[in-house]
Structures are given as structure tokens and as C-alpha cells.
Amino acid sequence: MAEKTIKDMRKIILLTIVICSIVMTSCSSNKHSVKVNRPKPERIQTVLDSICNEGYNLFIAERVNWIASDSVLGHYSADRFGGNIVWQPTDSTWRAVFFDTEIENCIFEYNYNTRCNKQQISYNSRAITEEERVQWALKNTMWENALRRYGDSLYYNSSYGMPNFDFVRIDANTIRLYIIQGVERPNVIPFGNDFSIDFDNSGTILAFRRYHRSFIPVQTVGENGESITATYHSHLNDNPYITPTDICNFLLYRGEMKQTYVLSTALEGYIIYNAENNSAIFLTNEAMDRINNHRK
């Protein structure tokens, strides 16, 4: 495995910023326990709804990064800019700004409104605003704190692609940095190799999370080129729900696929995510067995 740490990788990080059935990893037993200590159905659904919202917001953040990076590199050479920031001025707007090498002027700006699905791009050079200077300083503080404390804990699979990095505001007091495995191979969804680090508004670290214990590259087409209708992977007891990173990477790389399934060991059931309406439901193992038996 070509796993690499991200310690002392500032150059790679800055370059990255600018620039189905499958065999399940574990199977459920036909003998289900008599009583499962799981939350009430309404509680599970509340958690799933929250994760879906967070996962979709992460997907938007990554798409903004992709579109802005492709646009600026299609107009300028990489040596024209010295850094960039991507943030949310409001709940419904995203903004990406690229600076010149002196970090004095904005040479590219991309704005996206999620409510009306409207995009605006500008290549007009202008002076950096005070808000942008604040965001730039905060981003650098968060990067320095993250690499200093967790640089040895972050890794990715270089044989599939570089890591992607997204800062997403969770609430008025929390900014979350996601580190997710990117993929440069066709027809692959990269589940796993995903982390998050939470910061307060001054860039102080609040929390760290590793979402999966391993890397799970899932194919979106069969060996003979046939379409796969859904993907599966399993979560162990310490990770009972689908994750925002699962949702983000499924939306990014799913192709025509509509659903992904997560087998939850802790909940003894399946979480089914539907990309078309960004929703997830939970079915117990017993309920899934009844559905499969009915289909047969």
C-alpha cells in the first residue's frame, strides 16, 4: 500500500488546493440478536438527517474548490498566485479567492449561491479586502495548528490520488477542516482515509476525528463494464452511521449510481443513502432480510 503521512507537506497541500455491487467487507449473520441496544428510530433519523446536510455541504465545498481551481488554472499559470481561500460568507453562499504572489491583490474570484444555483466568476484584479485578510490569516493559523499536532496521524493512498482539503463552517463557533482521499482513477469511489479537525473562530483546535480504519476503493462499474446500481461498505462499532465524507465522495464520484449502503455493526442494520434527494434511512437486518426474501 502506498500510504503516506502528511507531516511537513505544506507544499503538497498548497499545490493540491490550487491546482455494485461490490463484495461487502463484512457480512451480517442470519442469526440476529434478540435485543439490540440501538437508539429509537426517530433519534436515528434525526442523526441521519443532520449527517446528510453536513455531507452535502462538504460536497458543495469540494465542488467549489474544483471549479475555482480549474477556472483559475485555465486563465493563469500557477506561478501567478501565492495562495487562496475558500469560505462561506453566509449560509447560502460560497466564495473562492486567489491572491497574487505578494498577497496584496485578488486576481480571481468565484462566488456560488446554493439557493438559486447561481455562479459568478471574475478575473479582474483588485485590492484584497479586510475580510479576506482575516480569512487568510485564520486559514494559515488553522493549517499550522493542524500540522503541528496531527501531521503524523494523517495519511492518504498516493496510488489513487492526492488528498483533498476543505474548511466548512459547522456553526457560529466551529470550523471543520476535512481531509479526504482524492482519486485520479476512473470509476472509483474512495471511501476511507478521511479525517476532520475542528477549530474555534481563533483557529484553536477543538477536536480530531478519524472516520474509517481503512481505505475502501469501490468500483462503480463491473469487470465487464456493466453498470453497478449501488455500493456497499461496512462500519464497525465505533462508527455506527454513514459519515459526511461517505456522502461527499459518493456524490463526487458516483457517476449514474443513485444509492450507497452502509452496513452498521453497532446498529445491526443498514443505512441507505439516496443521492437524488440527499436523504438516508435505516433498516434493521431483519427488515432487510424480509425485503430480500420478498424479492426472491
C-alpha atoms as a PDB file:
ATOM      1  CA  MET A   1       0.000   0.000   0.000  1.00  0.00           C
ATOM      2  CA  ALA A   2       1.277   3.416  -0.913  1.00  0.00           C
ATOM      3  CA  GLU A   3       0.185   5.126   2.303  1.00  0.00           C
ATOM      4  CA  LYS A   4       1.943   8.414   3.073  1.00  0.00           C
ATOM      5  CA  THR A   5       1.827  10.784   6.040  1.00  0.00           C
ATOM      6  CA  ILE A   6       1.057  14.467   5.601  1.00  0.00           C
ATOM      7  CA  LYS A   7       3.662  15.790   8.031  1.00  0.00           C
ATOM      8  CA  ASP A   8       5.739  18.607   6.536  1.00  0.00           C
ATOM      9  CA  MET A   9       3.628  18.586   3.361  1.00  0.00           C
ATOM     10  CA  ARG A  10       2.801  22.284   3.122  1.00  0.00           C
ATOM     11  CA  LYS A  11       3.968  22.461  -0.497  1.00  0.00           C
ATOM     12  CA  ILE A  12       1.829  19.480  -1.481  1.00  0.00           C
ATOM     13  CA  ILE A  13      -1.140  20.895   0.407  1.00  0.00           C
ATOM     14  CA  LEU A  14      -0.928  24.302  -1.272  1.00  0.00           C
ATOM     15  CA  LEU A  15      -0.473  22.653  -4.673  1.00  0.00           C
ATOM     16  CA  THR A  16      -3.488  20.456  -4.056  1.00  0.00           C
ATOM     17  CA  ILE A  17      -5.630  23.420  -3.070  1.00  0.00           C
ATOM     18  CA  VAL A  18      -4.914  25.388  -6.248  1.00  0.00           C
ATOM     19  CA  ILE A  19      -4.482  23.204  -8.597  1.00  0.00           C
ATOM     20  CA  CYS A  20     -22.480  -2.575  -7.257  1.00  0.00           C
ATOM     21  CA  SER A  21     -22.448  -4.319  -6.199  1.00  0.00           C
ATOM     22  CA  ILE A  22     -19.108  -4.952  -4.651  1.00  0.00           C
ATOM     23  CA  VAL A  23     -18.118  -7.679  -2.229  1.00  0.00           C
ATOM     24  CA  MET A  24     -19.030  -6.372   1.214  1.00  0.00           C
ATOM     25  CA  THR A  25     -16.121  -6.111   3.595  1.00  0.00           C
ATOM     26  CA  SER A  26     -18.142  -7.909   6.248  1.00  0.00           C
ATOM     27  CA  CYS A  27     -21.414  -9.803   6.154  1.00  0.00           C
ATOM     28  CA  SER A  28     -24.298  -9.874   8.575  1.00  0.00           C
ATOM     29  CA  SER A  29     -25.242 -13.114  10.257  1.00  0.00           C
ATOM     30  CA  ASN A  30     -28.596 -14.727   9.635  1.00  0.00           C
ATOM     31  CA  LYS A  31     -28.938 -15.121  13.374  1.00  0.00           C
ATOM     32  CA  HIS A  32     -29.812 -11.699  14.758  1.00  0.00           C
ATOM     33  CA  SER A  33     -29.595 -10.904  18.440  1.00  0.00           C
ATOM     34  CA  VAL A  34     -32.849 -10.894  20.319  1.00  0.00           C
ATOM     35  CA  LYS A  35     -32.467  -7.345  21.547  1.00  0.00           C
ATOM     36  CA  VAL A  36     -30.242  -4.640  20.094  1.00  0.00           C
ATOM     37  CA  ASN A  37     -29.281  -1.633  22.172  1.00  0.00           C
ATOM     38  CA  ARG A  38     -29.903   0.936  19.448  1.00  0.00           C
ATOM     39  CA  PRO A  39     -31.432   4.428  19.659  1.00  0.00           C
ATOM     40  CA  LYS A  40     -35.108   4.930  18.911  1.00  0.00           C
ATOM     41  CA  PRO A  41     -35.971   5.151  15.194  1.00  0.00           C
ATOM     42  CA  GLU A  42     -36.766   8.847  15.380  1.00  0.00           C
ATOM     43  CA  ARG A  43     -33.396   9.542  17.011  1.00  0.00           C
ATOM     44  CA  ILE A  44     -31.573   7.575  14.319  1.00  0.00           C
ATOM     45  CA  GLN A  45     -33.421   9.508  11.616  1.00  0.00           C
ATOM     46  CA  THR A  46     -32.582  12.849  13.239  1.00  0.00           C
ATOM     47  CA  VAL A  47     -28.890  11.930  13.246  1.00  0.00           C
ATOM     48  CA  LEU A  48     -29.054  10.769   9.620  1.00  0.00           C
ATOM     49  CA  ASP A  49     -30.765  13.986   8.517  1.00  0.00           C
ATOM     50  CA  SER A  50     -28.010  16.030  10.168  1.00  0.00           C
ATOM     51  CA  ILE A  51     -25.265  13.934   8.555  1.00  0.00           C
ATOM     52  CA  CYS A  52     -26.896  14.292   5.136  1.00  0.00           C
ATOM     53  CA  ASN A  53     -26.926  18.074   5.480  1.00  0.00           C
ATOM     54  CA  GLU A  54     -23.294  18.144   6.584  1.00  0.00           C
ATOM     55  CA  GLY A  55     -22.227  15.730   3.841  1.00  0.00           C
ATOM     56  CA  TYR A  56     -23.951  17.748   1.144  1.00  0.00           C
ATOM     57  CA  ASN A  57     -22.334  20.956   2.405  1.00  0.00           C
ATOM     58  CA  LEU A  58     -18.947  19.237   2.248  1.00  0.00           C
ATOM     59  CA  PHE A  59     -19.771  18.160  -1.315  1.00  0.00           C
ATOM     60  CA  ILE A  60     -20.520  21.787  -2.230  1.00  0.00           C
ATOM     61  CA  ALA A  61     -17.226  22.899  -0.639  1.00  0.00           C
ATOM     62  CA  GLU A  62     -15.273  20.372  -2.683  1.00  0.00           C
ATOM     63  CA  ARG A  63     -17.118  21.297  -5.889  1.00  0.00           C
ATOM     64  CA  VAL A  64     -16.361  24.987  -5.289  1.00  0.00           C
ATOM     65  CA  ASN A  65     -12.697  24.065  -4.856  1.00  0.00           C
ATOM     66  CA  TRP A  66     -12.721  22.047  -8.078  1.00  0.00           C
ATOM     67  CA  ILE A  67     -14.483  24.678 -10.178  1.00  0.00           C
ATOM     68  CA  ALA A  68     -12.424  27.576  -8.837  1.00  0.00           C
ATOM     69  CA  SER A  69      -9.108  25.741  -9.258  1.00  0.00           C
ATOM     70  CA  ASP A  70      -9.937  24.603 -12.807  1.00  0.00           C
ATOM     71  CA  SER A  71     -11.087  28.094 -13.757  1.00  0.00           C
ATOM     72  CA  VAL A  72      -8.088  29.967 -12.392  1.00  0.00           C
ATOM     73  CA  LEU A  73      -5.586  27.483 -13.839  1.00  0.00           C
ATOM     74  CA  GLY A  74      -7.302  27.779 -17.191  1.00  0.00           C
ATOM     75  CA  HIS A  75      -6.675  31.524 -17.138  1.00  0.00           C
ATOM     76  CA  TYR A  76      -3.387  31.939 -15.245  1.00  0.00           C
ATOM     77  CA  SER A  77      -0.184  29.967 -14.849  1.00  0.00           C
ATOM     78  CA  ALA A  78       0.377  28.565 -11.353  1.00  0.00           C
ATOM     79  CA  ASP A  79       3.242  30.973 -10.666  1.00  0.00           C
ATOM     80  CA  ARG A  80       0.841  33.930 -10.858  1.00  0.00           C
ATOM     81  CA  PHE A  81      -0.757  33.339  -7.454  1.00  0.00           C
ATOM     82  CA  GLY A  82       0.545  32.898  -3.946  1.00  0.00           C
ATOM     83  CA  GLY A  83      -2.443  31.384  -2.162  1.00  0.00           C
ATOM     84  CA  ASN A  84      -6.196  31.143  -1.930  1.00  0.00           C
ATOM     85  CA  ILE A  85      -9.085  30.963   0.490  1.00  0.00           C
ATOM     86  CA  VAL A  86     -12.499  29.327   0.257  1.00  0.00           C
ATOM     87  CA  TRP A  87     -15.150  30.189   2.835  1.00  0.00           C
ATOM     88  CA  GLN A  88     -18.840  30.784   3.449  1.00  0.00           C
ATOM     89  CA  PRO A  89     -19.758  34.458   3.780  1.00  0.00           C
ATOM     90  CA  THR A  90     -23.365  33.338   4.503  1.00  0.00           C
ATOM     91  CA  ASP A  91     -25.196  30.042   4.939  1.00  0.00           C
ATOM     92  CA  SER A  92     -26.185  30.028   1.267  1.00  0.00           C
ATOM     93  CA  THR A  93     -23.073  31.470  -0.381  1.00  0.00           C
ATOM     94  CA  TRP A  94     -19.554  30.230  -1.027  1.00  0.00           C
ATOM     95  CA  ARG A  95     -16.587  32.302  -2.156  1.00  0.00           C
ATOM     96  CA  ALA A  96     -13.163  31.336  -3.518  1.00  0.00           C
ATOM     97  CA  VAL A  97     -10.475  33.995  -3.886  1.00  0.00           C
ATOM     98  CA  PHE A  98      -6.967  33.594  -5.337  1.00  0.00           C
ATOM     99  CA  PHE A  99      -4.217  36.079  -4.448  1.00  0.00           C
ATOM    100  CA  ASP A 100      -1.157  37.280  -6.315  1.00  0.00           C
ATOM    101  CA  THR A 101       2.288  36.230  -5.102  1.00  0.00           C
ATOM    102  CA  GLU A 102       2.587  39.273  -2.820  1.00  0.00           C
ATOM    103  CA  ILE A 103      -0.777  38.521  -1.193  1.00  0.00           C
ATOM    104  CA  GLU A 104      -1.808  42.090  -1.940  1.00  0.00           C
ATOM    105  CA  ASN A 105      -4.352  41.695  -4.744  1.00  0.00           C
ATOM    106  CA  CYS A 106      -7.178  39.361  -5.641  1.00  0.00           C
ATOM    107  CA  ILE A 107      -6.676  38.120  -9.225  1.00  0.00           C
ATOM    108  CA  PHE A 108      -9.578  35.656  -9.322  1.00  0.00           C
ATOM    109  CA  GLU A 109     -12.919  35.423  -7.523  1.00  0.00           C
ATOM    110  CA  TYR A 110     -15.617  32.755  -7.688  1.00  0.00           C
ATOM    111  CA  ASN A 111     -18.995  33.072  -5.954  1.00  0.00           C
ATOM    112  CA  TYR A 112     -21.678  30.411  -5.725  1.00  0.00           C
ATOM    113  CA  ASN A 113     -25.202  30.783  -4.316  1.00  0.00           C
ATOM    114  CA  THR A 114     -26.677  27.440  -3.228  1.00  0.00           C
ATOM    115  CA  ARG A 115     -30.267  28.701  -3.077  1.00  0.00           C
ATOM    116  CA  CYS A 116     -30.532  29.892  -6.667  1.00  0.00           C
ATOM    117  CA  ASN A 117     -27.659  27.795  -8.062  1.00  0.00           C
ATOM    118  CA  LYS A 118     -26.029  30.943  -9.445  1.00  0.00           C
ATOM    119  CA  GLN A 119     -22.306  31.235 -10.187  1.00  0.00           C
ATOM    120  CA  GLN A 120     -20.165  34.338 -10.775  1.00  0.00           C
ATOM    121  CA  ILE A 121     -16.534  34.435 -11.904  1.00  0.00           C
ATOM    122  CA  SER A 122     -14.266  37.468 -12.079  1.00  0.00           C
ATOM    123  CA  TYR A 123     -10.674  37.738 -13.331  1.00  0.00           C
ATOM    124  CA  ASN A 124     -10.480  41.463 -12.586  1.00  0.00           C
ATOM    125  CA  SER A 125      -7.585  42.381 -10.323  1.00  0.00           C
ATOM    126  CA  ARG A 126      -8.473  44.324  -7.168  1.00  0.00           C
ATOM    127  CA  ALA A 127      -7.053  45.019  -3.726  1.00  0.00           C
ATOM    128  CA  ILE A 128      -7.615  42.407  -1.034  1.00  0.00           C
ATOM    129  CA  THR A 129     -10.413  43.326   1.365  1.00  0.00           C
ATOM    130  CA  GLU A 130     -10.027  43.369   5.125  1.00  0.00           C
ATOM    131  CA  GLU A 131     -12.376  40.376   5.424  1.00  0.00           C
ATOM    132  CA  GLU A 132     -10.167  38.408   3.039  1.00  0.00           C
ATOM    133  CA  ARG A 133      -7.058  39.250   5.052  1.00  0.00           C
ATOM    134  CA  VAL A 134      -8.791  37.996   8.191  1.00  0.00           C
ATOM    135  CA  GLN A 135      -9.838  34.768   6.457  1.00  0.00           C
ATOM    136  CA  TRP A 136      -6.332  34.277   5.045  1.00  0.00           C
ATOM    137  CA  ALA A 137      -4.717  34.713   8.466  1.00  0.00           C
ATOM    138  CA  LEU A 138      -7.235  32.363  10.090  1.00  0.00           C
ATOM    139  CA  LYS A 139      -6.666  29.698   7.450  1.00  0.00           C
ATOM    140  CA  ASN A 140      -2.895  29.825   7.968  1.00  0.00           C
ATOM    141  CA  THR A 141      -3.312  29.581  11.737  1.00  0.00           C
ATOM    142  CA  MET A 142      -5.554  26.516  11.387  1.00  0.00           C
ATOM    143  CA  TRP A 143      -3.099  24.854   8.986  1.00  0.00           C
ATOM    144  CA  GLU A 144      -0.144  25.430  11.284  1.00  0.00           C
ATOM    145  CA  ASN A 145      -2.006  24.103  14.331  1.00  0.00           C
ATOM    146  CA  ALA A 146      -3.344  21.076  12.443  1.00  0.00           C
ATOM    147  CA  LEU A 147       0.029  20.030  11.003  1.00  0.00           C
ATOM    148  CA  ARG A 148       1.858  20.606  14.277  1.00  0.00           C
ATOM    149  CA  ARG A 149      -0.486  18.394  16.291  1.00  0.00           C
ATOM    150  CA  TYR A 150      -1.793  15.813  13.823  1.00  0.00           C
ATOM    151  CA  GLY A 151       0.673  15.733  10.936  1.00  0.00           C
ATOM    152  CA  ASP A 152       1.802  12.198  11.842  1.00  0.00           C
ATOM    153  CA  SER A 153      -1.784  10.925  12.032  1.00  0.00           C
ATOM    154  CA  LEU A 154      -2.890  11.980   8.549  1.00  0.00           C
ATOM    155  CA  TYR A 155      -2.256   9.807   5.516  1.00  0.00           C
ATOM    156  CA  TYR A 156      -3.531   9.031   2.052  1.00  0.00           C
ATOM    157  CA  ASN A 157      -3.060   6.477  -0.738  1.00  0.00           C
ATOM    158  CA  SER A 158      -0.873   8.081  -3.394  1.00  0.00           C
ATOM    159  CA  SER A 159      -1.524   5.292  -5.898  1.00  0.00           C
ATOM    160  CA  TYR A 160      -5.133   6.511  -6.142  1.00  0.00           C
ATOM    161  CA  GLY A 161      -4.672  10.267  -5.838  1.00  0.00           C
ATOM    162  CA  MET A 162      -3.820  13.264  -3.681  1.00  0.00           C
ATOM    163  CA  PRO A 163      -5.776  14.267  -0.566  1.00  0.00           C
ATOM    164  CA  ASN A 164      -8.409  16.999  -0.743  1.00  0.00           C
ATOM    165  CA  PHE A 165      -8.840  19.678   1.930  1.00  0.00           C
ATOM    166  CA  ASP A 166     -11.985  21.643   2.760  1.00  0.00           C
ATOM    167  CA  PHE A 167     -12.805  24.128   5.513  1.00  0.00           C
ATOM    168  CA  VAL A 168     -16.533  24.046   6.323  1.00  0.00           C
ATOM    169  CA  ARG A 169     -18.319  26.136   8.937  1.00  0.00           C
ATOM    170  CA  ILE A 170     -20.367  23.848  11.182  1.00  0.00           C
ATOM    171  CA  ASP A 171     -21.937  26.506  13.406  1.00  0.00           C
ATOM    172  CA  ALA A 172     -21.241  30.010  14.687  1.00  0.00           C
ATOM    173  CA  ASN A 173     -18.360  28.763  16.839  1.00  0.00           C
ATOM    174  CA  THR A 174     -16.894  25.833  14.874  1.00  0.00           C
ATOM    175  CA  ILE A 175     -14.951  25.498  11.612  1.00  0.00           C
ATOM    176  CA  ARG A 176     -14.202  21.951  10.446  1.00  0.00           C
ATOM    177  CA  LEU A 177     -11.247  21.009   8.252  1.00  0.00           C
ATOM    178  CA  TYR A 178     -11.945  17.844   6.279  1.00  0.00           C
ATOM    179  CA  ILE A 179      -9.104  15.790   4.822  1.00  0.00           C
ATOM    180  CA  ILE A 180     -10.491  13.292   2.287  1.00  0.00           C
ATOM    181  CA  GLN A 181      -8.855  10.884  -0.130  1.00  0.00           C
ATOM    182  CA  GLY A 182      -8.894  12.130  -3.694  1.00  0.00           C
ATOM    183  CA  VAL A 183      -8.926   9.774  -6.660  1.00  0.00           C
ATOM    184  CA  GLU A 184      -7.481  10.168 -10.140  1.00  0.00           C
ATOM    185  CA  ARG A 185      -8.510   6.742 -11.412  1.00  0.00           C
ATOM    186  CA  PRO A 186     -11.765   6.358 -13.345  1.00  0.00           C
ATOM    187  CA  ASN A 187     -14.800   4.539 -11.956  1.00  0.00           C
ATOM    188  CA  VAL A 188     -13.670   4.528  -8.315  1.00  0.00           C
ATOM    189  CA  ILE A 189     -15.326   5.933  -5.176  1.00  0.00           C
ATOM    190  CA  PRO A 190     -12.693   6.466  -2.443  1.00  0.00           C
ATOM    191  CA  PHE A 191     -14.262   5.610   0.909  1.00  0.00           C
ATOM    192  CA  GLY A 192     -11.869   5.887   3.870  1.00  0.00           C
ATOM    193  CA  ASN A 193      -8.598   7.755   4.514  1.00  0.00           C
ATOM    194  CA  ASP A 194     -10.771  10.579   5.834  1.00  0.00           C
ATOM    195  CA  PHE A 195     -10.318  12.848   8.831  1.00  0.00           C
ATOM    196  CA  SER A 196     -11.618  16.062  10.315  1.00  0.00           C
ATOM    197  CA  ILE A 197     -10.196  18.669  12.693  1.00  0.00           C
ATOM    198  CA  ASP A 198     -12.447  21.185  14.431  1.00  0.00           C
ATOM    199  CA  PHE A 199     -11.340  24.732  15.272  1.00  0.00           C
ATOM    200  CA  ASP A 200     -12.866  27.662  17.072  1.00  0.00           C
ATOM    201  CA  ASN A 201     -13.026  31.097  15.456  1.00  0.00           C
ATOM    202  CA  SER A 202      -9.462  31.893  16.524  1.00  0.00           C
ATOM    203  CA  GLY A 203      -8.019  28.710  14.957  1.00  0.00           C
ATOM    204  CA  THR A 204      -7.567  26.783  18.216  1.00  0.00           C
ATOM    205  CA  ILE A 205      -8.094  23.032  17.802  1.00  0.00           C
ATOM    206  CA  LEU A 206     -11.205  21.641  19.458  1.00  0.00           C
ATOM    207  CA  ALA A 207     -11.428  18.053  18.203  1.00  0.00           C
ATOM    208  CA  PHE A 208      -9.951  15.453  15.861  1.00  0.00           C
ATOM    209  CA  ARG A 209     -11.723  12.540  14.198  1.00  0.00           C
ATOM    210  CA  ARG A 210     -10.708   9.627  12.004  1.00  0.00           C
ATOM    211  CA  TYR A 211     -13.803   8.331  10.206  1.00  0.00           C
ATOM    212  CA  HIS A 212     -12.665   4.961   8.817  1.00  0.00           C
ATOM    213  CA  ARG A 213      -9.983   2.495   9.865  1.00  0.00           C
ATOM    214  CA  SER A 214      -9.023   1.584   6.320  1.00  0.00           C
ATOM    215  CA  PHE A 215      -9.180   2.700   2.704  1.00  0.00           C
ATOM    216  CA  ILE A 216     -12.032   1.194   0.655  1.00  0.00           C
ATOM    217  CA  PRO A 217     -11.786   1.927  -3.079  1.00  0.00           C
ATOM    218  CA  VAL A 218     -15.151   0.918  -4.530  1.00  0.00           C
ATOM    219  CA  GLN A 219     -15.686   0.295  -8.246  1.00  0.00           C
ATOM    220  CA  THR A 220     -18.638   1.933  -9.989  1.00  0.00           C
ATOM    221  CA  VAL A 221     -18.586  -0.441 -12.964  1.00  0.00           C
ATOM    222  CA  GLY A 222     -18.209  -4.214 -13.148  1.00  0.00           C
ATOM    223  CA  GLU A 223     -15.327  -6.207 -14.601  1.00  0.00           C
ATOM    224  CA  ASN A 224     -17.091  -6.364 -17.973  1.00  0.00           C
ATOM    225  CA  GLY A 225     -18.087  -2.700 -17.975  1.00  0.00           C
ATOM    226  CA  GLU A 226     -21.592  -3.344 -16.715  1.00  0.00           C
ATOM    227  CA  SER A 227     -23.340  -0.698 -14.612  1.00  0.00           C
ATOM    228  CA  ILE A 228     -23.464  -1.190 -10.842  1.00  0.00           C
ATOM    229  CA  THR A 229     -26.619   0.061  -9.199  1.00  0.00           C
ATOM    230  CA  ALA A 230     -25.364   0.522  -5.623  1.00  0.00           C
ATOM    231  CA  THR A 231     -22.238   0.315  -3.484  1.00  0.00           C
ATOM    232  CA  TYR A 232     -21.719  -1.295  -0.082  1.00  0.00           C
ATOM    233  CA  HIS A 233     -19.215  -0.980   2.712  1.00  0.00           C
ATOM    234  CA  SER A 234     -19.382  -1.697   6.439  1.00  0.00           C
ATOM    235  CA  HIS A 235     -18.765   0.339   9.591  1.00  0.00           C
ATOM    236  CA  LEU A 236     -17.584  -1.131  12.876  1.00  0.00           C
ATOM    237  CA  ASN A 237     -18.988  -0.404  16.318  1.00  0.00           C
ATOM    238  CA  ASP A 238     -17.032   2.832  16.749  1.00  0.00           C
ATOM    239  CA  ASN A 239     -18.605   4.332  13.605  1.00  0.00           C
ATOM    240  CA  PRO A 240     -22.309   3.427  13.601  1.00  0.00           C
ATOM    241  CA  TYR A 241     -23.626   5.878  10.999  1.00  0.00           C
ATOM    242  CA  ILE A 242     -22.839   6.865   7.444  1.00  0.00           C
ATOM    243  CA  THR A 243     -20.362   9.753   7.521  1.00  0.00           C
ATOM    244  CA  PRO A 244     -20.391  13.176   5.837  1.00  0.00           C
ATOM    245  CA  THR A 245     -17.252  12.065   3.990  1.00  0.00           C
ATOM    246  CA  ASP A 246     -19.063   8.961   2.678  1.00  0.00           C
ATOM    247  CA  ILE A 247     -21.806  11.176   1.299  1.00  0.00           C
ATOM    248  CA  CYS A 248     -19.421  13.730  -0.187  1.00  0.00           C
ATOM    249  CA  ASN A 249     -17.263  11.212  -2.033  1.00  0.00           C
ATOM    250  CA  PHE A 250     -20.287   9.224  -3.213  1.00  0.00           C
ATOM    251  CA  LEU A 251     -21.777  12.394  -4.712  1.00  0.00           C
ATOM    252  CA  LEU A 252     -18.457  13.354  -6.292  1.00  0.00           C
ATOM    253  CA  TYR A 253     -17.628  10.040  -7.937  1.00  0.00           C
ATOM    254  CA  ARG A 254     -20.868   8.013  -8.216  1.00  0.00           C
ATOM    255  CA  GLY A 255     -21.496   8.541 -11.920  1.00  0.00           C
ATOM    256  CA  GLU A 256     -25.072   7.398 -12.621  1.00  0.00           C
ATOM    257  CA  MET A 257     -25.353   5.470  -9.365  1.00  0.00           C
ATOM    258  CA  LYS A 258     -28.181   6.555  -7.066  1.00  0.00           C
ATOM    259  CA  GLN A 259     -27.664   4.682  -3.774  1.00  0.00           C
ATOM    260  CA  THR A 260     -24.949   3.583  -1.397  1.00  0.00           C
ATOM    261  CA  TYR A 261     -25.393   1.188   1.546  1.00  0.00           C
ATOM    262  CA  VAL A 262     -23.536   1.132   4.848  1.00  0.00           C
ATOM    263  CA  LEU A 263     -23.747  -1.994   6.983  1.00  0.00           C
ATOM    264  CA  SER A 264     -23.699  -0.766  10.592  1.00  0.00           C
ATOM    265  CA  THR A 265     -22.327  -3.315  13.049  1.00  0.00           C
ATOM    266  CA  ALA A 266     -23.306  -1.174  16.031  1.00  0.00           C
ATOM    267  CA  LEU A 267     -26.917  -0.647  14.914  1.00  0.00           C
ATOM    268  CA  GLU A 268     -27.228  -4.142  13.390  1.00  0.00           C
ATOM    269  CA  GLY A 269     -28.759  -2.840  10.227  1.00  0.00           C
ATOM    270  CA  TYR A 270     -28.255  -0.929   7.008  1.00  0.00           C
ATOM    271  CA  ILE A 271     -28.132   2.784   6.282  1.00  0.00           C
ATOM    272  CA  ILE A 272     -29.292   3.513   2.741  1.00  0.00           C
ATOM    273  CA  TYR A 273     -28.322   6.858   1.231  1.00  0.00           C
ATOM    274  CA  ASN A 274     -30.172   8.215  -1.803  1.00  0.00           C
ATOM    275  CA  ALA A 275     -28.261  10.789  -3.839  1.00  0.00           C
ATOM    276  CA  GLU A 276     -31.250  12.110  -5.776  1.00  0.00           C
ATOM    277  CA  ASN A 277     -32.874  13.702  -2.731  1.00  0.00           C
ATOM    278  CA  ASN A 278     -29.883  13.716  -0.311  1.00  0.00           C
ATOM    279  CA  SER A 279     -31.634  11.517   2.243  1.00  0.00           C
ATOM    280  CA  ALA A 280     -30.815   8.434   4.276  1.00  0.00           C
ATOM    281  CA  ILE A 281     -32.925   5.804   6.037  1.00  0.00           C
ATOM    282  CA  PHE A 282     -32.117   2.985   8.437  1.00  0.00           C
ATOM    283  CA  LEU A 283     -33.344  -0.602   8.075  1.00  0.00           C
ATOM    284  CA  THR A 284     -32.663  -3.337  10.632  1.00  0.00           C
ATOM    285  CA  ASN A 285     -31.074  -6.585   9.485  1.00  0.00           C
ATOM    286  CA  GLU A 286     -34.443  -8.277   9.983  1.00  0.00           C
ATOM    287  CA  ALA A 287     -36.219  -5.731   7.795  1.00  0.00           C
ATOM    288  CA  MET A 288     -33.570  -6.088   5.087  1.00  0.00           C
ATOM    289  CA  ASP A 289     -33.908  -9.884   5.207  1.00  0.00           C
ATOM    290  CA  ARG A 290     -37.659  -9.619   4.736  1.00  0.00           C
ATOM    291  CA  ILE A 291     -37.180  -7.296   1.752  1.00  0.00           C
ATOM    292  CA  ASN A 292     -34.627  -9.631   0.160  1.00  0.00           C
ATOM    293  CA  ASN A 293     -36.837 -12.691   0.752  1.00  0.00           C
ATOM    294  CA  HIS A 294     -39.795 -10.897  -0.803  1.00  0.00           C
ATOM    295  CA  ARG A 295     -37.718 -10.025  -3.859  1.00  0.00           C
ATOM    296  CA  LYS A 296     -36.718 -13.669  -4.255  1.00  0.00           C
END
